[in-house]
Amino acid sequence: QVQLVESGGGLVQPGGSLILSCAASGLSFRSFRVSWYRQAPGKERELVAARADGSITYAESVKGRFTIFRDNAANTVLLQMNSLKPEDTAVYYCHAREIQGPNIDYWGQGTQVTVAS
């Protein structure tokens, strides 16, 4: 059974940093496109960052501030978030889809990030 579990969210002041972690069981991230999405209240879920086969994509709003990277030994994908802004406040979700396989979407339960002074 596939499970994605996010952690690392919390309350941080503007300009601060957080690292989100997405740990997987039942799959290997090596074979998956892994993404971080976020959803703010009243807004649609949006792509923040994605990584697959060395290709990395970032939303324009987070370029230069966020970094997505993978810890293969721990089968974990992380999102380093620096210079956080109040508009980064949202629930952040980890998503995975197999690169060469059925189009099955796996989602984590989400972790809340709040940027406020």
Protein backbone atom coordinates (compact mmCIF):
# COMPACT_ATOMS: atom_id res chain seq x y z
CA GLN A 1 0.00 0.00 0.00
CA VAL A 2 1.39 3.35 -1.06
CA GLN A 3 1.55 6.08 1.54
CA LEU A 4 3.02 9.57 1.42
CA VAL A 5 3.50 11.37 4.71
CA GLU A 6 4.43 15.04 4.88
CA SER A 7 6.00 16.74 7.85
CA GLY A 8 7.84 19.92 8.69
CA GLY A 9 5.10 22.50 8.45
CA GLY A 10 4.49 25.12 11.07
CA LEU A 11 4.41 28.81 11.88
CA VAL A 12 7.32 30.94 10.71
CA GLN A 13 7.96 34.65 10.50
CA PRO A 14 8.31 36.41 7.16
CA GLY A 15 11.83 35.94 5.87
CA GLY A 16 12.22 32.68 7.72
CA SER A 17 12.84 29.16 6.46
CA LEU A 18 11.25 25.75 6.69
CA ILE A 19 12.03 22.31 5.29
CA LEU A 20 9.11 20.10 4.35
CA SER A 21 9.62 16.38 4.10
CA CYS A 22 7.64 13.77 2.18
CA ALA A 23 8.38 10.20 3.17
CA ALA A 24 7.12 7.36 1.00
CA SER A 25 6.27 3.79 1.72
CA GLY A 26 5.18 1.28 -0.88
CA LEU A 27 7.03 2.99 -3.73
CA SER A 28 10.47 4.23 -4.67
CA PHE A 29 10.76 7.89 -5.53
CA ARG A 30 13.48 6.99 -8.05
CA SER A 31 10.75 5.87 -10.46
CA PHE A 32 8.29 8.67 -9.80
CA ARG A 33 7.74 12.28 -10.69
CA VAL A 34 7.40 13.90 -7.29
CA SER A 35 5.82 17.28 -6.77
CA TRP A 36 4.87 19.69 -4.05
CA TYR A 37 1.55 21.48 -4.40
CA ARG A 38 -0.06 23.99 -2.14
CA GLN A 39 -3.55 25.24 -1.52
CA ALA A 40 -4.40 28.46 0.24
CA PRO A 41 -7.88 29.15 1.64
CA GLY A 42 -10.29 30.02 -1.14
CA LYS A 43 -7.77 29.24 -3.85
CA GLU A 44 -7.12 26.34 -6.16
CA ARG A 45 -4.33 23.89 -5.54
CA GLU A 46 -1.21 24.97 -7.41
CA LEU A 47 2.07 23.35 -8.36
CA VAL A 48 5.03 24.63 -6.36
CA ALA A 49 7.88 22.38 -7.48
CA ALA A 50 8.36 19.10 -9.29
CA ARG A 51 11.24 16.73 -9.87
CA ALA A 52 11.60 13.79 -12.26
CA ASP A 53 14.67 12.19 -13.86
CA GLY A 54 16.78 15.21 -13.05
CA SER A 55 14.28 17.66 -14.50
CA ILE A 56 13.11 20.25 -11.99
CA THR A 57 10.30 22.75 -12.31
CA TYR A 58 9.36 25.62 -10.02
CA ALA A 59 6.43 27.98 -9.93
CA GLU A 60 7.52 31.51 -10.81
CA SER A 61 6.43 32.72 -7.40
CA VAL A 62 8.95 30.49 -5.59
CA LYS A 63 11.93 30.48 -7.97
CA GLY A 64 15.12 31.35 -6.20
CA ARG A 65 13.56 30.76 -2.79
CA PHE A 66 12.46 27.10 -2.80
CA THR A 67 14.50 24.01 -3.62
CA ILE A 68 13.17 20.50 -4.17
CA PHE A 69 15.59 17.66 -3.61
CA ARG A 70 15.54 13.95 -2.94
CA ASP A 71 17.18 11.80 -0.29
CA ASN A 72 17.38 8.43 -2.00
CA ALA A 73 18.62 6.58 1.06
CA ALA A 74 15.60 7.69 3.06
CA ASN A 75 13.19 7.53 0.10
CA THR A 76 12.18 11.08 0.94
CA VAL A 77 11.62 14.23 -1.05
CA LEU A 78 12.21 17.55 0.64
CA LEU A 79 11.25 21.12 -0.05
CA GLN A 80 13.61 23.73 1.32
CA MET A 81 11.74 27.01 1.63
CA ASN A 82 13.68 30.22 2.26
CA SER A 83 12.70 33.87 2.42
CA LEU A 84 9.14 32.91 3.20
CA LYS A 85 6.37 35.41 2.56
CA PRO A 86 2.86 35.65 3.99
CA GLU A 87 1.53 34.65 0.56
CA ASP A 88 3.30 31.31 0.95
CA THR A 89 0.79 30.42 3.64
CA ALA A 90 -1.06 27.29 2.54
CA VAL A 91 -1.45 23.58 3.07
CA TYR A 92 1.39 21.88 1.23
CA TYR A 93 0.84 18.49 -0.36
CA CYS A 94 3.23 15.92 -1.66
CA HIS A 95 2.24 14.22 -4.92
CA ALA A 96 3.75 11.31 -6.82
CA ARG A 97 3.05 9.70 -10.18
CA GLU A 98 5.05 6.89 -11.72
CA ILE A 99 7.14 8.11 -14.66
CA GLN A 100 6.58 4.98 -16.76
CA GLY A 101 3.48 3.35 -15.46
CA PRO A 102 -0.23 3.81 -14.89
CA ASN A 103 -1.51 7.34 -14.38
CA ILE A 104 -2.20 6.90 -10.70
CA ASP A 105 -1.90 9.96 -8.48
CA TYR A 106 -0.69 9.52 -4.95
CA TRP A 107 -1.20 12.32 -2.44
CA GLY A 108 -0.11 12.94 1.08
CA GLN A 109 -2.40 14.32 3.75
CA GLY A 110 -0.88 17.81 3.65
CA THR A 111 1.03 19.93 6.11
CA GLN A 112 0.13 23.48 7.10
CA VAL A 113 2.61 26.28 6.55
CA THR A 114 1.76 29.65 8.05
CA VAL A 115 3.94 32.69 7.47
CA ALA A 116 3.05 35.49 9.85
CA SER A 117 4.71 37.89 12.24
